[in-house]
Amino acid sequence: CLTITWRIQIPPITYKEKIMNGKYCDYIGIEVKQGLEKCIEAPQFESNFWTKPAIPIIEKVGKVNYGESNYATGPMTKTIYVEDTFGSRYKISIEDLKHIKGHGWITHKEASKIDYHYDKELDDYIVNTPEYNKWLAEANAKWEAKRKLA
């Protein structure tokens, strides 16, 4: 089984749009499915380098699967299974990406391997530095001390 992953970059503009990333992922999944369904009727391929197939290669397009999506914390993943005329199956994954300064647009799985935090001034996620970790530990200790006094 061949896995095809499309990295779709929709940078959020406002706080409201950051919350709504999943809706874009749903919409893009439906658009991709409808585009693939057109390929069942006739090849839609246009290129100056490759020749257009005489008959459609795509035979079946499955539904947009939402089972892998984590609506609470992300990632918003949509999966579409496609079968060609020769019986091979393909998996098309659509996932919203996270932008981390210095790493670019990466998947949530890649981001989970990086120690990062959100910076309000930069309006972006950045990698944690030793200075930030030290400041965070001091701030947490100060907060815990205040909490114990109360």
N, C-alpha and C. Protein backbone atom coordinates (compact mmCIF):
# COMPACT_ATOMS: atom_id res chain seq x y z
N CYS A 1 0.85 -1.18 0.00
CA CYS A 1 0.00 0.00 0.00
C CYS A 1 0.89 1.24 0.00
N LEU A 2 0.66 2.14 -0.90
CA LEU A 2 1.43 3.37 -1.02
C LEU A 2 0.73 4.48 -0.26
N THR A 3 1.46 5.23 0.54
CA THR A 3 0.88 6.34 1.29
C THR A 3 1.31 7.64 0.66
N ILE A 4 0.34 8.48 0.32
CA ILE A 4 0.61 9.80 -0.24
C ILE A 4 0.17 10.82 0.80
N THR A 5 1.07 11.69 1.22
CA THR A 5 0.72 12.71 2.21
C THR A 5 0.81 14.07 1.56
N TRP A 6 -0.27 14.83 1.61
CA TRP A 6 -0.28 16.19 1.10
C TRP A 6 -0.11 17.12 2.27
N ARG A 7 0.86 17.99 2.22
CA ARG A 7 1.07 18.98 3.27
C ARG A 7 0.38 20.26 2.83
N ILE A 8 -0.68 20.58 3.50
CA ILE A 8 -1.47 21.75 3.15
C ILE A 8 -1.17 22.86 4.13
N GLN A 9 -0.72 23.99 3.63
CA GLN A 9 -0.34 25.10 4.49
C GLN A 9 -1.38 26.19 4.41
N ILE A 10 -2.15 26.35 5.47
CA ILE A 10 -3.11 27.44 5.56
C ILE A 10 -2.73 28.24 6.79
N PRO A 11 -1.92 29.29 6.64
CA PRO A 11 -1.51 30.03 7.83
C PRO A 11 -2.67 30.78 8.45
N PRO A 12 -2.88 30.61 9.76
CA PRO A 12 -3.97 31.34 10.41
C PRO A 12 -3.66 32.83 10.47
N ILE A 13 -4.69 33.64 10.27
CA ILE A 13 -4.51 35.09 10.26
C ILE A 13 -4.95 35.69 11.59
N THR A 14 -6.04 35.23 12.13
CA THR A 14 -6.53 35.77 13.40
C THR A 14 -6.73 34.63 14.38
N TYR A 15 -6.96 34.99 15.65
CA TYR A 15 -7.19 33.99 16.68
C TYR A 15 -8.39 33.12 16.33
N LYS A 16 -9.45 33.74 15.80
CA LYS A 16 -10.66 32.99 15.44
C LYS A 16 -10.33 31.94 14.39
N GLU A 17 -9.50 32.29 13.41
CA GLU A 17 -9.16 31.34 12.37
C GLU A 17 -8.26 30.23 12.90
N LYS A 18 -7.44 30.52 13.94
CA LYS A 18 -6.62 29.47 14.53
C LYS A 18 -7.50 28.39 15.13
N ILE A 19 -8.62 28.78 15.71
CA ILE A 19 -9.54 27.83 16.31
C ILE A 19 -10.24 27.02 15.22
N MET A 20 -10.42 27.59 14.03
CA MET A 20 -11.23 26.97 12.98
C MET A 20 -10.41 26.14 12.00
N ASN A 21 -9.15 25.80 12.28
CA ASN A 21 -8.34 25.03 11.34
C ASN A 21 -9.01 23.73 10.92
N GLY A 22 -9.70 23.05 11.83
CA GLY A 22 -10.35 21.79 11.51
C GLY A 22 -11.39 21.92 10.43
N LYS A 23 -12.10 23.04 10.40
CA LYS A 23 -13.11 23.24 9.37
C LYS A 23 -12.47 23.34 8.00
N TYR A 24 -11.31 23.98 7.92
CA TYR A 24 -10.60 24.04 6.64
C TYR A 24 -10.15 22.64 6.23
N CYS A 25 -9.68 21.86 7.17
CA CYS A 25 -9.22 20.50 6.88
C CYS A 25 -10.38 19.65 6.35
N ASP A 26 -11.55 19.78 6.97
CA ASP A 26 -12.74 19.07 6.49
C ASP A 26 -13.06 19.48 5.05
N TYR A 27 -13.06 20.77 4.81
CA TYR A 27 -13.40 21.31 3.50
C TYR A 27 -12.41 20.81 2.44
N ILE A 28 -11.13 20.87 2.76
CA ILE A 28 -10.11 20.45 1.80
C ILE A 28 -10.25 18.95 1.50
N GLY A 29 -10.56 18.16 2.52
CA GLY A 29 -10.79 16.73 2.31
C GLY A 29 -11.92 16.47 1.33
N ILE A 30 -13.01 17.21 1.48
CA ILE A 30 -14.15 17.06 0.58
C ILE A 30 -13.78 17.49 -0.84
N GLU A 31 -13.04 18.60 -0.96
CA GLU A 31 -12.61 19.08 -2.29
C GLU A 31 -11.72 18.04 -2.98
N VAL A 32 -10.78 17.46 -2.25
CA VAL A 32 -9.88 16.46 -2.83
C VAL A 32 -10.68 15.24 -3.27
N LYS A 33 -11.62 14.79 -2.45
CA LYS A 33 -12.46 13.63 -2.80
C LYS A 33 -13.24 13.90 -4.08
N GLN A 34 -13.86 15.08 -4.17
CA GLN A 34 -14.64 15.40 -5.36
C GLN A 34 -13.75 15.50 -6.60
N GLY A 35 -12.54 16.03 -6.42
CA GLY A 35 -11.60 16.09 -7.54
C GLY A 35 -11.19 14.71 -8.01
N LEU A 36 -10.97 13.80 -7.06
CA LEU A 36 -10.61 12.43 -7.43
C LEU A 36 -11.77 11.70 -8.10
N GLU A 37 -13.00 11.99 -7.67
CA GLU A 37 -14.17 11.35 -8.29
C GLU A 37 -14.32 11.76 -9.75
N LYS A 38 -13.91 12.97 -10.11
CA LYS A 38 -13.94 13.39 -11.51
C LYS A 38 -12.97 12.56 -12.34
N CYS A 39 -11.88 12.11 -11.71
CA CYS A 39 -10.87 11.32 -12.42
C CYS A 39 -11.36 9.91 -12.75
N ILE A 40 -12.43 9.45 -12.10
CA ILE A 40 -13.00 8.13 -12.41
C ILE A 40 -13.65 8.17 -13.79
N GLU A 41 -14.32 9.28 -14.11
CA GLU A 41 -15.03 9.42 -15.38
C GLU A 41 -14.06 9.57 -16.55
N ALA A 42 -13.09 10.46 -16.40
CA ALA A 42 -12.10 10.71 -17.45
C ALA A 42 -10.84 11.26 -16.80
N PRO A 43 -9.66 10.95 -17.37
CA PRO A 43 -8.43 11.48 -16.80
C PRO A 43 -8.42 13.01 -16.83
N GLN A 44 -8.04 13.63 -15.73
CA GLN A 44 -7.99 15.08 -15.62
C GLN A 44 -6.56 15.61 -15.71
N PHE A 45 -5.64 14.72 -15.89
CA PHE A 45 -4.22 15.03 -15.84
C PHE A 45 -3.79 15.93 -17.00
N GLU A 46 -3.10 17.02 -16.70
CA GLU A 46 -2.58 17.91 -17.74
C GLU A 46 -1.13 18.21 -17.43
N SER A 47 -0.25 17.91 -18.39
CA SER A 47 1.17 18.16 -18.20
C SER A 47 1.83 18.28 -19.57
N ASN A 48 2.89 19.05 -19.62
CA ASN A 48 3.66 19.17 -20.86
C ASN A 48 4.68 18.06 -20.97
N PHE A 49 4.97 17.38 -19.85
CA PHE A 49 6.00 16.35 -19.83
C PHE A 49 5.41 14.95 -19.94
N TRP A 50 4.41 14.66 -19.11
CA TRP A 50 3.80 13.33 -19.09
C TRP A 50 2.63 13.27 -20.06
N THR A 51 2.40 12.09 -20.64
CA THR A 51 1.25 11.94 -21.53
C THR A 51 0.01 11.58 -20.72
N LYS A 52 -1.12 12.06 -21.19
CA LYS A 52 -2.40 11.82 -20.52
C LYS A 52 -2.83 10.38 -20.80
N PRO A 53 -3.23 9.62 -19.76
CA PRO A 53 -3.68 8.24 -20.02
C PRO A 53 -4.94 8.22 -20.88
N ALA A 54 -5.07 7.18 -21.71
CA ALA A 54 -6.24 7.06 -22.59
C ALA A 54 -7.48 6.68 -21.81
N ILE A 55 -7.31 5.88 -20.76
CA ILE A 55 -8.44 5.47 -19.92
C ILE A 55 -8.17 5.92 -18.48
N PRO A 56 -9.21 6.09 -17.69
CA PRO A 56 -9.00 6.51 -16.30
C PRO A 56 -8.23 5.45 -15.51
N ILE A 57 -7.29 5.89 -14.71
CA ILE A 57 -6.49 5.00 -13.86
C ILE A 57 -7.20 4.77 -12.53
N ILE A 58 -7.87 5.79 -12.01
CA ILE A 58 -8.55 5.69 -10.72
C ILE A 58 -9.89 5.00 -10.93
N GLU A 59 -10.13 3.94 -10.15
CA GLU A 59 -11.38 3.19 -10.28
C GLU A 59 -12.35 3.48 -9.14
N LYS A 60 -11.85 3.54 -7.90
CA LYS A 60 -12.71 3.77 -6.74
C LYS A 60 -12.10 4.84 -5.84
N VAL A 61 -12.97 5.68 -5.29
CA VAL A 61 -12.56 6.68 -4.31
C VAL A 61 -13.41 6.46 -3.07
N GLY A 62 -12.75 6.21 -1.94
CA GLY A 62 -13.47 5.98 -0.69
C GLY A 62 -13.96 7.29 -0.09
N LYS A 63 -14.67 7.16 1.02
CA LYS A 63 -15.18 8.35 1.70
C LYS A 63 -14.06 9.03 2.48
N VAL A 64 -14.30 10.25 2.90
CA VAL A 64 -13.34 10.98 3.73
C VAL A 64 -13.48 10.44 5.15
N ASN A 65 -12.41 9.84 5.67
CA ASN A 65 -12.42 9.25 7.01
C ASN A 65 -11.95 10.28 8.04
N TYR A 66 -12.72 10.40 9.11
CA TYR A 66 -12.42 11.37 10.16
C TYR A 66 -11.89 10.70 11.42
N GLY A 67 -11.73 9.37 11.42
CA GLY A 67 -11.39 8.62 12.61
C GLY A 67 -10.05 8.98 13.24
N GLU A 68 -9.09 9.44 12.45
CA GLU A 68 -7.76 9.74 12.97
C GLU A 68 -7.67 11.16 13.53
N SER A 69 -8.72 11.97 13.35
CA SER A 69 -8.68 13.36 13.81
C SER A 69 -8.82 13.44 15.33
N ASN A 70 -8.05 14.34 15.91
CA ASN A 70 -8.18 14.64 17.33
C ASN A 70 -8.70 16.07 17.41
N TYR A 71 -10.01 16.20 17.59
CA TYR A 71 -10.64 17.52 17.55
C TYR A 71 -10.27 18.37 18.75
N ALA A 72 -9.80 17.78 19.84
CA ALA A 72 -9.47 18.55 21.04
C ALA A 72 -8.10 19.21 20.93
N THR A 73 -7.08 18.45 20.58
CA THR A 73 -5.72 18.99 20.59
C THR A 73 -5.02 18.93 19.24
N GLY A 74 -5.59 18.27 18.27
CA GLY A 74 -4.96 18.15 16.96
C GLY A 74 -4.14 16.87 16.91
N PRO A 75 -3.73 16.44 15.78
CA PRO A 75 -3.92 17.06 14.48
C PRO A 75 -5.29 16.74 13.89
N MET A 76 -5.69 17.59 12.97
CA MET A 76 -6.92 17.36 12.21
C MET A 76 -6.50 16.58 10.97
N THR A 77 -6.72 15.29 10.97
CA THR A 77 -6.29 14.43 9.88
C THR A 77 -7.50 13.84 9.17
N LYS A 78 -7.50 13.94 7.88
CA LYS A 78 -8.54 13.33 7.04
C LYS A 78 -7.83 12.34 6.12
N THR A 79 -8.44 11.20 5.91
CA THR A 79 -7.84 10.16 5.08
C THR A 79 -8.83 9.73 4.01
N ILE A 80 -8.32 9.58 2.79
CA ILE A 80 -9.13 9.10 1.67
C ILE A 80 -8.38 7.91 1.06
N TYR A 81 -9.09 6.80 0.87
CA TYR A 81 -8.49 5.63 0.24
C TYR A 81 -8.94 5.58 -1.22
N VAL A 82 -7.97 5.31 -2.10
CA VAL A 82 -8.22 5.28 -3.55
C VAL A 82 -7.74 3.94 -4.09
N GLU A 83 -8.48 3.40 -5.06
CA GLU A 83 -8.07 2.14 -5.70
C GLU A 83 -7.94 2.39 -7.19
N ASP A 84 -6.85 1.87 -7.79
CA ASP A 84 -6.67 2.04 -9.23
C ASP A 84 -7.25 0.85 -9.98
N THR A 85 -7.21 0.90 -11.31
CA THR A 85 -7.81 -0.15 -12.13
C THR A 85 -7.05 -1.47 -12.03
N PHE A 86 -5.84 -1.44 -11.50
CA PHE A 86 -5.03 -2.65 -11.38
C PHE A 86 -5.16 -3.30 -10.00
N GLY A 87 -5.99 -2.72 -9.12
CA GLY A 87 -6.23 -3.30 -7.81
C GLY A 87 -5.34 -2.77 -6.70
N SER A 88 -4.41 -1.89 -7.00
CA SER A 88 -3.56 -1.30 -5.95
C SER A 88 -4.34 -0.25 -5.19
N ARG A 89 -4.06 -0.16 -3.89
CA ARG A 89 -4.76 0.82 -3.04
C ARG A 89 -3.77 1.89 -2.60
N TYR A 90 -4.29 3.10 -2.43
CA TYR A 90 -3.49 4.25 -2.02
C TYR A 90 -4.18 4.97 -0.87
N LYS A 91 -3.40 5.56 -0.01
CA LYS A 91 -3.93 6.31 1.13
C LYS A 91 -3.50 7.76 0.95
N ILE A 92 -4.48 8.66 0.94
CA ILE A 92 -4.21 10.09 0.84
C ILE A 92 -4.55 10.72 2.17
N SER A 93 -3.56 11.33 2.81
CA SER A 93 -3.76 11.95 4.13
C SER A 93 -3.71 13.46 4.00
N ILE A 94 -4.65 14.12 4.67
CA ILE A 94 -4.69 15.58 4.71
C ILE A 94 -4.63 15.96 6.17
N GLU A 95 -3.62 16.74 6.54
CA GLU A 95 -3.42 17.09 7.95
C GLU A 95 -3.05 18.56 8.06
N ASP A 96 -3.62 19.25 9.06
CA ASP A 96 -3.22 20.63 9.28
C ASP A 96 -1.82 20.63 9.90
N LEU A 97 -1.03 21.62 9.54
CA LEU A 97 0.36 21.69 9.97
C LEU A 97 0.56 22.76 11.03
N LYS A 98 1.65 22.63 11.75
CA LYS A 98 2.01 23.59 12.80
C LYS A 98 3.28 24.30 12.36
N HIS A 99 3.32 25.62 12.53
CA HIS A 99 4.52 26.38 12.16
C HIS A 99 5.36 26.64 13.39
N ILE A 100 6.61 26.18 13.35
CA ILE A 100 7.56 26.43 14.43
C ILE A 100 8.74 27.16 13.82
N LYS A 101 9.07 28.31 14.39
CA LYS A 101 10.15 29.14 13.85
C LYS A 101 11.45 28.34 13.81
N GLY A 102 12.09 28.35 12.66
CA GLY A 102 13.33 27.61 12.48
C GLY A 102 13.12 26.20 11.92
N HIS A 103 11.89 25.71 11.97
CA HIS A 103 11.58 24.37 11.45
C HIS A 103 10.59 24.43 10.30
N GLY A 104 9.88 25.54 10.16
CA GLY A 104 8.89 25.68 9.10
C GLY A 104 7.59 24.99 9.44
N TRP A 105 6.84 24.63 8.41
CA TRP A 105 5.54 23.95 8.58
C TRP A 105 5.80 22.46 8.73
N ILE A 106 5.46 21.91 9.90
CA ILE A 106 5.70 20.50 10.18
C ILE A 106 4.43 19.85 10.72
N THR A 107 4.39 18.53 10.66
CA THR A 107 3.23 17.80 11.18
C THR A 107 3.24 17.82 12.70
N HIS A 108 2.10 17.49 13.29
CA HIS A 108 2.00 17.46 14.75
C HIS A 108 2.91 16.38 15.33
N LYS A 109 3.09 15.29 14.60
CA LYS A 109 3.96 14.20 15.07
C LYS A 109 5.40 14.69 15.14
N GLU A 110 5.85 15.43 14.13
CA GLU A 110 7.20 15.99 14.15
C GLU A 110 7.34 17.04 15.25
N ALA A 111 6.28 17.83 15.44
CA ALA A 111 6.31 18.89 16.46
C ALA A 111 6.36 18.31 17.86
N SER A 112 5.78 17.13 18.07
CA SER A 112 5.78 16.53 19.40
C SER A 112 7.19 16.12 19.84
N LYS A 113 8.12 16.00 18.90
CA LYS A 113 9.50 15.64 19.22
C LYS A 113 10.34 16.87 19.58
N ILE A 114 9.77 18.07 19.39
CA ILE A 114 10.49 19.32 19.64
C ILE A 114 9.93 19.96 20.89
N ASP A 115 10.81 20.51 21.72
CA ASP A 115 10.38 21.24 22.92
C ASP A 115 10.14 22.69 22.48
N TYR A 116 8.87 23.11 22.43
CA TYR A 116 8.53 24.44 21.92
C TYR A 116 7.47 25.09 22.79
N HIS A 117 7.28 26.39 22.59
CA HIS A 117 6.22 27.14 23.26
C HIS A 117 5.76 28.27 22.34
N TYR A 118 4.60 28.84 22.67
CA TYR A 118 4.03 29.92 21.87
C TYR A 118 4.54 31.26 22.38
N ASP A 119 5.02 32.12 21.50
CA ASP A 119 5.50 33.45 21.85
C ASP A 119 4.50 34.48 21.33
N LYS A 120 3.89 35.23 22.26
CA LYS A 120 2.87 36.22 21.88
C LYS A 120 3.45 37.33 21.02
N GLU A 121 4.66 37.79 21.37
CA GLU A 121 5.27 38.91 20.64
C GLU A 121 5.54 38.54 19.19
N LEU A 122 6.03 37.34 18.96
CA LEU A 122 6.32 36.89 17.59
C LEU A 122 5.09 36.32 16.90
N ASP A 123 4.04 36.01 17.68
CA ASP A 123 2.82 35.37 17.17
C ASP A 123 3.17 34.08 16.43
N ASP A 124 4.05 33.30 17.05
CA ASP A 124 4.51 32.06 16.44
C ASP A 124 5.02 31.12 17.53
N TYR A 125 5.13 29.85 17.20
CA TYR A 125 5.74 28.88 18.11
C TYR A 125 7.25 28.94 17.91
N ILE A 126 8.00 28.88 19.02
CA ILE A 126 9.45 28.88 18.93
C ILE A 126 10.00 27.76 19.81
N VAL A 127 11.23 27.33 19.49
CA VAL A 127 11.88 26.26 20.23
C VAL A 127 12.33 26.81 21.58
N ASN A 128 12.13 26.02 22.64
CA ASN A 128 12.54 26.44 23.98
C ASN A 128 14.06 26.53 24.08
N THR A 129 14.52 27.55 24.79
CA THR A 129 15.95 27.74 25.04
C THR A 129 16.22 27.44 26.51
N PRO A 130 17.48 27.22 26.90
CA PRO A 130 17.78 27.01 28.32
C PRO A 130 17.34 28.20 29.18
N GLU A 131 17.47 29.42 28.65
CA GLU A 131 17.05 30.61 29.39
C GLU A 131 15.54 30.59 29.65
N TYR A 132 14.78 30.21 28.64
CA TYR A 132 13.33 30.14 28.79
C TYR A 132 12.96 29.07 29.81
N ASN A 133 13.60 27.90 29.73
CA ASN A 133 13.30 26.82 30.67
C ASN A 133 13.63 27.23 32.10
N LYS A 134 14.73 27.97 32.30
CA LYS A 134 15.11 28.46 33.63
C LYS A 134 14.06 29.45 34.13
N TRP A 135 13.67 30.40 33.28
CA TRP A 135 12.65 31.39 33.66
C TRP A 135 11.33 30.71 34.00
N LEU A 136 10.94 29.71 33.23
CA LEU A 136 9.70 28.99 33.46
C LEU A 136 9.73 28.25 34.80
N ALA A 137 10.87 27.61 35.11
CA ALA A 137 11.00 26.90 36.38
C ALA A 137 10.89 27.87 37.55
N GLU A 138 11.54 29.05 37.43
CA GLU A 138 11.47 30.07 38.49
C GLU A 138 10.04 30.59 38.65
N ALA A 139 9.37 30.85 37.55
CA ALA A 139 7.99 31.36 37.60
C ALA A 139 7.06 30.32 38.23
N ASN A 140 7.24 29.06 37.88
CA ASN A 140 6.41 28.00 38.48
C ASN A 140 6.67 27.86 39.97
N ALA A 141 7.95 27.96 40.38
CA ALA A 141 8.29 27.87 41.81
C ALA A 141 7.67 29.04 42.57
N LYS A 142 7.74 30.24 42.00
CA LYS A 142 7.16 31.43 42.64
C LYS A 142 5.65 31.27 42.77
N TRP A 143 5.00 30.77 41.75
CA TRP A 143 3.55 30.58 41.78
C TRP A 143 3.15 29.53 42.82
N GLU A 144 3.93 28.43 42.88
CA GLU A 144 3.65 27.39 43.87
C GLU A 144 3.81 27.93 45.29
N ALA A 145 4.82 28.77 45.51
CA ALA A 145 5.04 29.35 46.84
C ALA A 145 3.87 30.24 47.23
N LYS A 146 3.37 31.05 46.29
CA LYS A 146 2.20 31.91 46.56
C LYS A 146 0.97 31.07 46.85
N ARG A 147 0.81 29.99 46.13
CA ARG A 147 -0.35 29.12 46.30
C ARG A 147 -0.36 28.44 47.67
N LYS A 148 0.82 28.05 48.15
CA LYS A 148 0.91 27.39 49.45
C LYS A 148 0.62 28.36 50.59
N LEU A 149 0.95 29.65 50.40
CA LEU A 149 0.69 30.66 51.43
C LEU A 149 -0.80 30.97 51.54
N ALA A 150 -1.50 30.85 50.45
CA ALA A 150 -2.93 31.21 50.44
C ALA A 150 -3.82 30.20 51.09
